[in-house]
PDB file of N, CA and C in Angstrom:
ATOM      1  N   MET A   1      34.342  73.068   7.196  1.00  0.00           N
ATOM      2  CA  MET A   1      32.860  72.920   6.024  1.00  0.00           C
ATOM      3  C   MET A   1      32.761  72.126   5.698  1.00  0.00           C
ATOM      4  N   LYS A   2      31.454  71.911   6.015  1.00  0.00           N
ATOM      5  CA  LYS A   2      30.796  71.161   5.326  1.00  0.00           C
ATOM      6  C   LYS A   2      29.855  71.471   3.867  1.00  0.00           C
ATOM      7  N   ALA A   3      29.569  70.850   3.075  1.00  0.00           N
ATOM      8  CA  ALA A   3      28.949  71.344   1.658  1.00  0.00           C
ATOM      9  C   ALA A   3      28.372  69.935   1.806  1.00  0.00           C
ATOM     10  N   THR A   4      26.917  70.197   0.462  1.00  0.00           N
ATOM     11  CA  THR A   4      25.934  69.207   0.328  1.00  0.00           C
ATOM     12  C   THR A   4      25.682  68.990  -1.375  1.00  0.00           C
ATOM     13  N   ALA A   5      26.095  67.856  -1.425  1.00  0.00           N
ATOM     14  CA  ALA A   5      26.176  67.273  -3.089  1.00  0.00           C
ATOM     15  C   ALA A   5      25.120  66.528  -3.486  1.00  0.00           C
ATOM     16  N   GLU A   6      24.666  66.610  -4.407  1.00  0.00           N
ATOM     17  CA  GLU A   6      23.143  66.408  -5.037  1.00  0.00           C
ATOM     18  C   GLU A   6      23.585  65.248  -6.009  1.00  0.00           C
ATOM     19  N   LEU A   7      23.151  64.009  -5.580  1.00  0.00           N
ATOM     20  CA  LEU A   7      22.849  62.802  -6.427  1.00  0.00           C
ATOM     21  C   LEU A   7      21.844  62.296  -6.750  1.00  0.00           C
ATOM     22  N   ILE A   8      21.764  61.899  -8.183  1.00  0.00           N
ATOM     23  CA  ILE A   8      20.737  61.735  -8.871  1.00  0.00           C
ATOM     24  C   ILE A   8      21.103  59.937  -9.166  1.00  0.00           C
ATOM     25  N   ARG A   9      20.417  58.997  -8.769  1.00  0.00           N
ATOM     26  CA  ARG A   9      20.429  57.966  -8.875  1.00  0.00           C
ATOM     27  C   ARG A   9      19.273  57.166  -8.787  1.00  0.00           C
ATOM     28  N   SER A  10      18.945  57.032 -10.170  1.00  0.00           N
ATOM     29  CA  SER A  10      17.324  56.443 -10.745  1.00  0.00           C
ATOM     30  C   SER A  10      16.284  57.416 -10.535  1.00  0.00           C
ATOM     31  N   SER A  11      15.312  56.984  -9.709  1.00  0.00           N
ATOM     32  CA  SER A  11      14.522  57.905  -8.911  1.00  0.00           C
ATOM     33  C   SER A  11      14.968  58.959  -7.584  1.00  0.00           C
ATOM     34  N   THR A  12      16.017  58.535  -7.205  1.00  0.00           N
ATOM     35  CA  THR A  12      16.529  59.404  -5.742  1.00  0.00           C
ATOM     36  C   THR A  12      16.740  60.886  -6.068  1.00  0.00           C
ATOM     37  N   ILE A  13      16.507  61.400  -5.618  1.00  0.00           N
ATOM     38  CA  ILE A  13      16.980  62.622  -5.905  1.00  0.00           C
ATOM     39  C   ILE A  13      17.108  63.541  -4.493  1.00  0.00           C
ATOM     40  N   GLU A  14      18.552  64.033  -3.986  1.00  0.00           N
ATOM     41  CA  GLU A  14      18.431  64.675  -2.693  1.00  0.00           C
ATOM     42  C   GLU A  14      18.043  65.847  -3.166  1.00  0.00           C
ATOM     43  N   SER A  15      17.542  66.926  -1.984  1.00  0.00           N
ATOM     44  CA  SER A  15      17.215  68.021  -1.915  1.00  0.00           C
ATOM     45  C   SER A  15      17.029  68.243  -0.311  1.00  0.00           C
ATOM     46  N   ASP A  16      17.032  69.063   0.414  1.00  0.00           N
ATOM     47  CA  ASP A  16      17.157  70.135   1.211  1.00  0.00           C
ATOM     48  C   ASP A  16      16.177  71.222   0.966  1.00  0.00           C
ATOM     49  N   GLN A  17      15.357  71.449   0.165  1.00  0.00           N
ATOM     50  CA  GLN A  17      15.068  72.609  -0.457  1.00  0.00           C
ATOM     51  C   GLN A  17      13.978  72.518   0.815  1.00  0.00           C
ATOM     52  N   GLU A  18      13.335  73.887   0.701  1.00  0.00           N
ATOM     53  CA  GLU A  18      11.936  74.534   1.566  1.00  0.00           C
ATOM     54  C   GLU A  18      10.585  73.563   0.744  1.00  0.00           C
ATOM     55  N   ASN A  19      10.759  73.697  -0.483  1.00  0.00           N
ATOM     56  CA  ASN A  19       8.957  72.623  -1.172  1.00  0.00           C
ATOM     57  C   ASN A  19      10.261  71.101  -1.974  1.00  0.00           C
ATOM     58  N   PRO A  20      10.086  70.367  -0.948  1.00  0.00           N
ATOM     59  CA  PRO A  20      11.052  68.922  -1.827  1.00  0.00           C
ATOM     60  C   PRO A  20       9.831  68.525  -2.491  1.00  0.00           C
ATOM     61  N   SER A  21      10.583  68.116  -3.296  1.00  0.00           N
ATOM     62  CA  SER A  21      10.351  67.429  -4.868  1.00  0.00           C
ATOM     63  C   SER A  21       9.424  66.072  -4.644  1.00  0.00           C
ATOM     64  N   SER A  22       8.444  65.718  -4.934  1.00  0.00           N
ATOM     65  CA  SER A  22       7.955  64.401  -4.999  1.00  0.00           C
ATOM     66  C   SER A  22       8.890  63.494  -5.523  1.00  0.00           C
ATOM     67  N   PHE A  23       9.943  63.359  -5.552  1.00  0.00           N
ATOM     68  CA  PHE A  23      11.129  61.980  -5.695  1.00  0.00           C
ATOM     69  C   PHE A  23      11.501  61.878  -4.376  1.00  0.00           C
ATOM     70  N   MET A  24      11.823  60.688  -4.446  1.00  0.00           N
ATOM     71  CA  MET A  24      12.041  60.187  -2.788  1.00  0.00           C
ATOM     72  C   MET A  24      13.561  61.159  -2.597  1.00  0.00           C
ATOM     73  N   SER A  25      13.952  60.952  -1.388  1.00  0.00           N
ATOM     74  CA  SER A  25      15.340  62.309  -1.107  1.00  0.00           C
ATOM     75  C   SER A  25      15.925  61.384   0.633  1.00  0.00           C
ATOM     76  N   THR A  26      17.268  61.649   0.390  1.00  0.00           N
ATOM     77  CA  THR A  26      18.783  61.378   1.080  1.00  0.00           C
ATOM     78  C   THR A  26      19.189  62.616   0.651  1.00  0.00           C
ATOM     79  N   SER A  27      20.744  62.305   1.728  1.00  0.00           N
ATOM     80  CA  SER A  27      21.330  63.524   1.939  1.00  0.00           C
ATOM     81  C   SER A  27      22.310  63.110   2.197  1.00  0.00           C
ATOM     82  N   ILE A  28      23.229  63.480   1.452  1.00  0.00           N
ATOM     83  CA  ILE A  28      24.849  62.912   1.405  1.00  0.00           C
ATOM     84  C   ILE A  28      25.692  64.043   1.957  1.00  0.00           C
ATOM     85  N   GLU A  29      26.566  64.086   2.812  1.00  0.00           N
ATOM     86  CA  GLU A  29      27.452  65.591   3.330  1.00  0.00           C
ATOM     87  C   GLU A  29      28.773  65.314   2.800  1.00  0.00           C
ATOM     88  N   LEU A  30      29.553  66.210   2.298  1.00  0.00           N
ATOM     89  CA  LEU A  30      30.342  66.342   2.067  1.00  0.00           C
ATOM     90  C   LEU A  30      31.189  67.386   2.585  1.00  0.00           C
ATOM     91  N   ASP A  31      32.145  66.504   3.668  1.00  0.00           N
ATOM     92  CA  ASP A  31      33.011  67.289   4.335  1.00  0.00           C
ATOM     93  C   ASP A  31      34.705  67.585   3.772  1.00  0.00           C
ATOM     94  N   THR A  32      35.266  68.183   4.960  1.00  0.00           N
ATOM     95  CA  THR A  32      36.556  68.551   3.885  1.00  0.00           C
ATOM     96  C   THR A  32      37.761  67.031   4.106  1.00  0.00           C
ATOM     97  N   ASN A  33      37.191  65.946   4.660  1.00  0.00           N
ATOM     98  CA  ASN A  33      37.781  65.066   4.497  1.00  0.00           C
ATOM     99  C   ASN A  33      37.660  63.702   3.618  1.00  0.00           C
ATOM    100  N   GLN A  34      36.554  64.225   3.067  1.00  0.00           N
ATOM    101  CA  GLN A  34      35.201  63.899   1.736  1.00  0.00           C
ATOM    102  C   GLN A  34      35.120  63.014   1.663  1.00  0.00           C
ATOM    103  N   ASN A  35      34.595  62.671   3.006  1.00  0.00           N
ATOM    104  CA  ASN A  35      33.756  61.306   3.052  1.00  0.00           C
ATOM    105  C   ASN A  35      32.359  61.198   3.082  1.00  0.00           C
ATOM    106  N   TYR A  36      31.901  60.097   2.167  1.00  0.00           N
ATOM    107  CA  TYR A  36      30.891  60.355   1.789  1.00  0.00           C
ATOM    108  C   TYR A  36      29.945  58.883   2.079  1.00  0.00           C
ATOM    109  N   LEU A  37      29.638  58.989   2.924  1.00  0.00           N
ATOM    110  CA  LEU A  37      29.223  57.916   3.525  1.00  0.00           C
ATOM    111  C   LEU A  37      27.493  57.320   2.466  1.00  0.00           C
ATOM    112  N   GLY A  38      27.543  56.245   2.780  1.00  0.00           N
ATOM    113  CA  GLY A  38      26.377  55.457   1.532  1.00  0.00           C
ATOM    114  C   GLY A  38      26.780  55.272   0.313  1.00  0.00           C
ATOM    115  N   LEU A  39      27.482  55.499  -0.041  1.00  0.00           N
ATOM    116  CA  LEU A  39      28.473  55.523  -1.445  1.00  0.00           C
ATOM    117  C   LEU A  39      29.512  54.194  -1.823  1.00  0.00           C
ATOM    118  N   ASP A  40      29.146  53.627  -2.911  1.00  0.00           N
ATOM    119  CA  ASP A  40      30.395  52.322  -3.739  1.00  0.00           C
ATOM    120  C   ASP A  40      31.819  53.888  -3.834  1.00  0.00           C
ATOM    121  N   ALA A  41      32.647  52.484  -3.806  1.00  0.00           N
ATOM    122  CA  ALA A  41      34.194  53.380  -3.615  1.00  0.00           C
ATOM    123  C   ALA A  41      34.143  54.045  -5.413  1.00  0.00           C
ATOM    124  N   GLU A  42      33.338  53.458  -5.835  1.00  0.00           N
ATOM    125  CA  GLU A  42      33.268  54.448  -7.294  1.00  0.00           C
ATOM    126  C   GLU A  42      33.047  55.745  -7.529  1.00  0.00           C
ATOM    127  N   ALA A  43      31.395  55.649  -6.706  1.00  0.00           N
ATOM    128  CA  ALA A  43      30.686  56.735  -6.880  1.00  0.00           C
ATOM    129  C   ALA A  43      31.391  57.762  -6.095  1.00  0.00           C
ATOM    130  N   ARG A  44      32.431  57.296  -4.680  1.00  0.00           N
ATOM    131  CA  ARG A  44      33.034  58.363  -3.705  1.00  0.00           C
ATOM    132  C   ARG A  44      33.912  58.655  -4.215  1.00  0.00           C
ATOM    133  N   THR A  45      34.469  58.083  -5.557  1.00  0.00           N
ATOM    134  CA  THR A  45      35.628  58.508  -6.584  1.00  0.00           C
ATOM    135  C   THR A  45      35.410  59.332  -7.004  1.00  0.00           C
ATOM    136  N   TYR A  46      34.188  59.414  -8.083  1.00  0.00           N
ATOM    137  CA  TYR A  46      33.514  60.274  -8.726  1.00  0.00           C
ATOM    138  C   TYR A  46      33.200  61.571  -8.326  1.00  0.00           C
ATOM    139  N   ILE A  47      32.472  61.115  -7.361  1.00  0.00           N
ATOM    140  CA  ILE A  47      31.628  62.564  -6.667  1.00  0.00           C
ATOM    141  C   ILE A  47      32.697  63.334  -6.160  1.00  0.00           C
ATOM    142  N   SER A  48      34.462  62.337  -5.220  1.00  0.00           N
ATOM    143  CA  SER A  48      35.201  63.585  -4.702  1.00  0.00           C
ATOM    144  C   SER A  48      35.994  64.830  -6.310  1.00  0.00           C
ATOM    145  N   ARG A  49      35.972  63.603  -7.334  1.00  0.00           N
ATOM    146  CA  ARG A  49      37.134  64.545  -8.539  1.00  0.00           C
ATOM    147  C   ARG A  49      36.343  65.458  -8.654  1.00  0.00           C
ATOM    148  N   GLN A  50      34.857  65.500  -8.865  1.00  0.00           N
ATOM    149  CA  GLN A  50      33.754  66.931  -9.355  1.00  0.00           C
ATOM    150  C   GLN A  50      33.798  67.357  -8.209  1.00  0.00           C
ATOM    151  N   ALA A  51      33.826  67.338  -7.562  1.00  0.00           N
ATOM    152  CA  ALA A  51      33.766  68.273  -5.949  1.00  0.00           C
ATOM    153  C   ALA A  51      35.253  68.921  -6.354  1.00  0.00           C
ATOM    154  N   ASN A  52      36.288  68.792  -6.349  1.00  0.00           N
ATOM    155  CA  ASN A  52      37.419  69.017  -6.416  1.00  0.00           C
ATOM    156  C   ASN A  52      37.401  70.002  -7.636  1.00  0.00           C
ATOM    157  N   LEU A  53      37.618  69.715  -8.630  1.00  0.00           N
ATOM    158  CA  LEU A  53      36.879  70.164 -10.109  1.00  0.00           C
ATOM    159  C   LEU A  53      36.176  71.354  -9.846  1.00  0.00           C
ATOM    160  N   PHE A  54      34.957  71.148  -9.165  1.00  0.00           N
ATOM    161  CA  PHE A  54      34.048  72.546  -9.074  1.00  0.00           C
ATOM    162  C   PHE A  54      34.394  73.965  -8.210  1.00  0.00           C
ATOM    163  N   GLU A  55      35.339  73.085  -6.949  1.00  0.00           N
ATOM    164  CA  GLU A  55      35.744  74.152  -6.118  1.00  0.00           C
ATOM    165  C   GLU A  55      36.647  75.140  -6.465  1.00  0.00           C
ATOM    166  N   SER A  56      37.516  74.236  -7.580  1.00  0.00           N
ATOM    167  CA  SER A  56      39.080  74.835  -8.108  1.00  0.00           C
ATOM    168  C   SER A  56      38.382  75.863  -9.054  1.00  0.00           C
ATOM    169  N   MET A  57      37.208  75.768  -9.959  1.00  0.00           N
ATOM    170  CA  MET A  57      36.764  76.771 -10.486  1.00  0.00           C
ATOM    171  C   MET A  57      35.780  77.769  -9.988  1.00  0.00           C
ATOM    172  N   LEU A  58      35.490  77.631  -9.150  1.00  0.00           N
ATOM    173  CA  LEU A  58      34.683  78.367  -8.478  1.00  0.00           C
ATOM    174  C   LEU A  58      34.807  79.773  -8.593  1.00  0.00           C
ATOM    175  N   PRO A  59      36.058  80.755  -8.408  1.00  0.00           N
ATOM    176  CA  PRO A  59      36.277  81.652  -9.138  1.00  0.00           C
ATOM    177  C   PRO A  59      35.602  82.218 -10.573  1.00  0.00           C
ATOM    178  N   GLU A  60      35.688  81.550 -11.042  1.00  0.00           N
ATOM    179  CA  GLU A  60      35.257  81.491 -12.642  1.00  0.00           C
ATOM    180  C   GLU A  60      34.071  81.319 -12.772  1.00  0.00           C
ATOM    181  N   LEU A  61      33.213  80.186 -12.075  1.00  0.00           N
ATOM    182  CA  LEU A  61      32.223  80.343 -11.841  1.00  0.00           C
ATOM    183  C   LEU A  61      30.732  80.998 -11.508  1.00  0.00           C
ATOM    184  N   LEU A  62      31.581  81.783 -10.565  1.00  0.00           N
ATOM    185  CA  LEU A  62      30.860  82.529 -10.101  1.00  0.00           C
ATOM    186  C   LEU A  62      30.478  83.570 -10.430  1.00  0.00           C
ATOM    187  N   LYS A  63      31.674  83.937 -11.801  1.00  0.00           N
ATOM    188  CA  LYS A  63      31.261  85.456 -12.790  1.00  0.00           C
ATOM    189  C   LYS A  63      29.965  85.065 -13.661  1.00  0.00           C
ATOM    190  N   THR A  64      29.340  83.550 -14.167  1.00  0.00           N
ATOM    191  CA  THR A  64      28.173  83.826 -14.410  1.00  0.00           C
ATOM    192  C   THR A  64      27.375  83.217 -14.034  1.00  0.00           C
ATOM    193  N   TYR A  65      27.719  82.263 -13.234  1.00  0.00           N
ATOM    194  CA  TYR A  65      26.614  81.812 -12.403  1.00  0.00           C
ATOM    195  C   TYR A  65      26.256  81.654 -10.945  1.00  0.00           C
ATOM    196  N   SER A  66      26.726  82.755 -10.579  1.00  0.00           N
ATOM    197  CA  SER A  66      26.621  83.607  -9.079  1.00  0.00           C
ATOM    198  C   SER A  66      25.003  82.972  -8.779  1.00  0.00           C
ATOM    199  N   GLY A  67      25.242  82.115  -7.559  1.00  0.00           N
ATOM    200  CA  GLY A  67      23.494  82.412  -7.444  1.00  0.00           C
ATOM    201  C   GLY A  67      22.595  81.083  -8.028  1.00  0.00           C
ATOM    202  N   GLN A  68      23.182  80.257  -9.151  1.00  0.00           N
ATOM    203  CA  GLN A  68      22.139  79.231  -9.760  1.00  0.00           C
ATOM    204  C   GLN A  68      22.687  78.116  -9.196  1.00  0.00           C
ATOM    205  N   TRP A  69      22.461  77.243  -9.017  1.00  0.00           N
ATOM    206  CA  TRP A  69      22.158  75.570  -9.201  1.00  0.00           C
ATOM    207  C   TRP A  69      22.761  75.279 -10.582  1.00  0.00           C
ATOM    208  N   VAL A  70      23.642  74.829 -10.267  1.00  0.00           N
ATOM    209  CA  VAL A  70      24.379  73.393 -11.932  1.00  0.00           C
ATOM    210  C   VAL A  70      24.508  72.504 -11.716  1.00  0.00           C
ATOM    211  N   LEU A  71      24.428  71.700 -12.995  1.00  0.00           N
ATOM    212  CA  LEU A  71      24.721  70.379 -12.821  1.00  0.00           C
ATOM    213  C   LEU A  71      26.343  70.281 -13.639  1.00  0.00           C
ATOM    214  N   PHE A  72      27.572  69.969 -12.700  1.00  0.00           N
ATOM    215  CA  PHE A  72      28.895  70.057 -13.180  1.00  0.00           C
ATOM    216  C   PHE A  72      29.317  68.715 -12.982  1.00  0.00           C
ATOM    217  N   GLU A  73      30.311  68.975 -14.325  1.00  0.00           N
ATOM    218  CA  GLU A  73      30.875  67.316 -14.531  1.00  0.00           C
ATOM    219  C   GLU A  73      32.063  67.424 -15.680  1.00  0.00           C
ATOM    220  N   GLU A  74      33.303  67.346 -15.190  1.00  0.00           N
ATOM    221  CA  GLU A  74      34.304  67.291 -15.708  1.00  0.00           C
ATOM    222  C   GLU A  74      34.532  69.067 -16.066  1.00  0.00           C
ATOM    223  N   CYS A  75      34.460  69.862 -15.338  1.00  0.00           N
ATOM    224  CA  CYS A  75      34.582  71.275 -15.734  1.00  0.00           C
ATOM    225  C   CYS A  75      33.766  72.039 -16.784  1.00  0.00           C
ATOM    226  N   GLN A  76      32.448  71.238 -16.724  1.00  0.00           N
ATOM    227  CA  GLN A  76      31.665  72.331 -17.937  1.00  0.00           C
ATOM    228  C   GLN A  76      30.436  71.894 -16.611  1.00  0.00           C
ATOM    229  N   ILE A  77      29.669  73.477 -17.208  1.00  0.00           N
ATOM    230  CA  ILE A  77      28.157  73.146 -16.613  1.00  0.00           C
ATOM    231  C   ILE A  77      27.680  72.890 -17.843  1.00  0.00           C
ATOM    232  N   ILE A  78      26.846  71.781 -17.703  1.00  0.00           N
ATOM    233  CA  ILE A  78      25.639  70.968 -18.383  1.00  0.00           C
ATOM    234  C   ILE A  78      24.397  71.632 -18.216  1.00  0.00           C
ATOM    235  N   ASP A  79      23.655  72.140 -17.080  1.00  0.00           N
ATOM    236  CA  ASP A  79      23.121  72.441 -17.286  1.00  0.00           C
ATOM    237  C   ASP A  79      22.889  73.187 -16.283  1.00  0.00           C
ATOM    238  N   SER A  80      21.885  74.488 -15.709  1.00  0.00           N
ATOM    239  CA  SER A  80      21.682  75.516 -14.673  1.00  0.00           C
ATOM    240  C   SER A  80      20.818  75.976 -14.986  1.00  0.00           C
ATOM    241  N   ASP A  81      19.915  76.663 -13.547  1.00  0.00           N
ATOM    242  CA  ASP A  81      18.225  76.965 -13.248  1.00  0.00           C
ATOM    243  C   ASP A  81      18.691  77.507 -11.993  1.00  0.00           C
ATOM    244  N   TRP A  82      18.199  79.012 -11.884  1.00  0.00           N
ATOM    245  CA  TRP A  82      17.779  79.002 -10.626  1.00  0.00           C
ATOM    246  C   TRP A  82      17.073  78.538  -9.816  1.00  0.00           C
ATOM    247  N   ASN A  83      16.093  78.023 -10.383  1.00  0.00           N
ATOM    248  CA  ASN A  83      15.437  77.522  -9.350  1.00  0.00           C
ATOM    249  C   ASN A  83      15.791  75.832  -9.746  1.00  0.00           C
ATOM    250  N   TYR A  84      16.120  75.268  -8.078  1.00  0.00           N
ATOM    251  CA  TYR A  84      16.706  74.452  -7.886  1.00  0.00           C
ATOM    252  C   TYR A  84      15.386  72.904  -8.349  1.00  0.00           C
ATOM    253  N   GLN A  85      14.756  72.567  -7.917  1.00  0.00           N
ATOM    254  CA  GLN A  85      13.667  71.893  -8.570  1.00  0.00           C
ATOM    255  C   GLN A  85      13.355  71.741 -10.513  1.00  0.00           C
ATOM    256  N   ASP A  86      13.449  72.913 -10.958  1.00  0.00           N
ATOM    257  CA  ASP A  86      13.469  73.021 -12.236  1.00  0.00           C
ATOM    258  C   ASP A  86      14.456  72.286 -12.773  1.00  0.00           C
ATOM    259  N   LEU A  87      15.319  72.205 -12.419  1.00  0.00           N
ATOM    260  CA  LEU A  87      17.025  71.735 -12.896  1.00  0.00           C
ATOM    261  C   LEU A  87      16.735  70.385 -12.186  1.00  0.00           C
ATOM    262  N   LEU A  88      16.482  69.516 -11.251  1.00  0.00           N
ATOM    263  CA  LEU A  88      16.289  68.227 -10.609  1.00  0.00           C
ATOM    264  C   LEU A  88      15.483  67.325 -11.808  1.00  0.00           C
ATOM    265  N   THR A  89      14.474  68.398 -12.011  1.00  0.00           N
ATOM    266  CA  THR A  89      13.426  67.407 -13.009  1.00  0.00           C
ATOM    267  C   THR A  89      14.048  67.342 -14.516  1.00  0.00           C
ATOM    268  N   ARG A  90      14.569  68.289 -14.894  1.00  0.00           N
ATOM    269  CA  ARG A  90      15.756  67.890 -15.974  1.00  0.00           C
ATOM    270  C   ARG A  90      16.305  67.312 -15.983  1.00  0.00           C
ATOM    271  N   VAL A  91      17.015  67.432 -15.372  1.00  0.00           N
ATOM    272  CA  VAL A  91      18.477  66.102 -14.638  1.00  0.00           C
ATOM    273  C   VAL A  91      17.567  64.656 -14.950  1.00  0.00           C
ATOM    274  N   ARG A  92      17.250  64.089 -14.146  1.00  0.00           N
ATOM    275  CA  ARG A  92      16.091  63.398 -13.754  1.00  0.00           C
ATOM    276  C   ARG A  92      15.784  62.776 -15.385  1.00  0.00           C
ATOM    277  N   GLU A  93      15.017  63.818 -16.193  1.00  0.00           N
ATOM    278  CA  GLU A  93      14.360  63.330 -17.230  1.00  0.00           C
ATOM    279  C   GLU A  93      15.463  63.035 -18.464  1.00  0.00           C
ATOM    280  N   THR A  94      16.412  63.921 -17.860  1.00  0.00           N
ATOM    281  CA  THR A  94      17.668  63.622 -19.199  1.00  0.00           C
ATOM    282  C   THR A  94      18.568  62.674 -19.269  1.00  0.00           C
ATOM    283  N   LEU A  95      19.097  62.046 -17.844  1.00  0.00           N
ATOM    284  CA  LEU A  95      20.379  61.377 -17.250  1.00  0.00           C
ATOM    285  C   LEU A  95      19.356  59.735 -16.850  1.00  0.00           C
ATOM    286  N   GLY A  96      18.414  60.171 -16.271  1.00  0.00           N
ATOM    287  CA  GLY A  96      17.781  58.939 -15.395  1.00  0.00           C
ATOM    288  C   GLY A  96      19.296  58.189 -14.130  1.00  0.00           C
ATOM    289  N   ASP A  97      19.114  56.842 -14.790  1.00  0.00           N
ATOM    290  CA  ASP A  97      20.237  56.257 -13.663  1.00  0.00           C
ATOM    291  C   ASP A  97      21.844  57.022 -13.475  1.00  0.00           C
ATOM    292  N   LYS A  98      21.867  58.163 -13.274  1.00  0.00           N
ATOM    293  CA  LYS A  98      23.413  58.308 -13.029  1.00  0.00           C
ATOM    294  C   LYS A  98      23.461  59.195 -12.022  1.00  0.00           C
ATOM    295  N   ILE A  99      24.553  58.956 -11.365  1.00  0.00           N
ATOM    296  CA  ILE A  99      25.139  59.657 -10.126  1.00  0.00           C
ATOM    297  C   ILE A  99      26.257  61.128 -10.618  1.00  0.00           C
ATOM    298  N   VAL A 100      25.125  62.421 -10.203  1.00  0.00           N
ATOM    299  CA  VAL A 100      25.953  63.559 -10.534  1.00  0.00           C
ATOM    300  C   VAL A 100      26.080  64.601  -9.533  1.00  0.00           C
ATOM    301  N   LEU A 101      26.766  65.652  -9.744  1.00  0.00           N
ATOM    302  CA  LEU A 101      27.021  66.448  -9.187  1.00  0.00           C
ATOM    303  C   LEU A 101      26.150  67.836  -9.242  1.00  0.00           C
ATOM    304  N   ILE A 102      25.449  68.352  -8.270  1.00  0.00           N
ATOM    305  CA  ILE A 102      24.334  69.482  -8.346  1.00  0.00           C
ATOM    306  C   ILE A 102      24.753  70.157  -7.340  1.00  0.00           C
ATOM    307  N   LYS A 103      25.473  71.605  -7.498  1.00  0.00           N
ATOM    308  CA  LYS A 103      25.331  72.381  -6.379  1.00  0.00           C
ATOM    309  C   LYS A 103      25.253  73.280  -6.921  1.00  0.00           C
ATOM    310  N   LYS A 104      25.007  74.485  -5.625  1.00  0.00           N
ATOM    311  CA  LYS A 104      24.823  75.677  -5.763  1.00  0.00           C
ATOM    312  C   LYS A 104      26.106  76.276  -6.313  1.00  0.00           C
ATOM    313  N   VAL A 105      26.004  77.272  -6.763  1.00  0.00           N
ATOM    314  CA  VAL A 105      27.238  78.547  -7.021  1.00  0.00           C
ATOM    315  C   VAL A 105      26.998  79.172  -6.341  1.00  0.00           C
ATOM    316  N   GLU A 106      28.186  79.485  -5.237  1.00  0.00           N
ATOM    317  CA  GLU A 106      27.911  80.358  -3.979  1.00  0.00           C
ATOM    318  C   GLU A 106      29.469  80.502  -3.615  1.00  0.00           C
ATOM    319  N   PRO A 107      29.536  81.640  -3.210  1.00  0.00           N
ATOM    320  CA  PRO A 107      31.089  82.163  -2.846  1.00  0.00           C
ATOM    321  C   PRO A 107      30.833  81.051  -1.434  1.00  0.00           C
ATOM    322  N   THR A 108      32.317  80.628  -1.350  1.00  0.00           N
ATOM    323  CA  THR A 108      32.675  79.558   0.023  1.00  0.00           C
ATOM    324  C   THR A 108      32.967  80.170   1.252  1.00  0.00           C
ATOM    325  N   ILE A 109      32.888  80.225   2.017  1.00  0.00           N
ATOM    326  CA  ILE A 109      32.794  80.855   3.364  1.00  0.00           C
ATOM    327  C   ILE A 109      34.087  80.221   4.591  1.00  0.00           C
ATOM    328  N   SER A 110      35.353  81.294   4.235  1.00  0.00           N
ATOM    329  CA  SER A 110      36.859  80.719   5.016  1.00  0.00           C
ATOM    330  C   SER A 110      36.611  80.414   6.352  1.00  0.00           C
ATOM    331  N   PRO A 111      37.291  79.527   7.101  1.00  0.00           N
ATOM    332  CA  PRO A 111      37.107  79.887   7.982  1.00  0.00           C
ATOM    333  C   PRO A 111      37.961  80.917   9.482  1.00  0.00           C
ATOM    334  N   ALA A 112      37.435  81.413  10.353  1.00  0.00           N
ATOM    335  CA  ALA A 112      38.158  82.597  11.077  1.00  0.00           C
ATOM    336  C   ALA A 112      39.341  82.176  11.235  1.00  0.00           C
TER     337      ALA A 112
END
């Protein structure tokens, strides 16, 4: 099963939304082996850790944030929004040049 992690780096915002932002976009897929192509070792370690923490907290996150996009870091929701673009804009304005994990809180689909 694959998931997409959203990374903010300088003026680059990843997005696969229907209405892409005016920011430059790229795409990074997270697979079950946690391969993150195009990232340096430090960034891969950070994203891997955040993705694992997010998944471990998902049952709890679903209670409050189901269906919302969240900026997640070290077991905390830093910001959230129902609108993906609004959240990305705020994150870019406040954090600037930083790699972060933004994911939609939704139940994972277990393989059959």
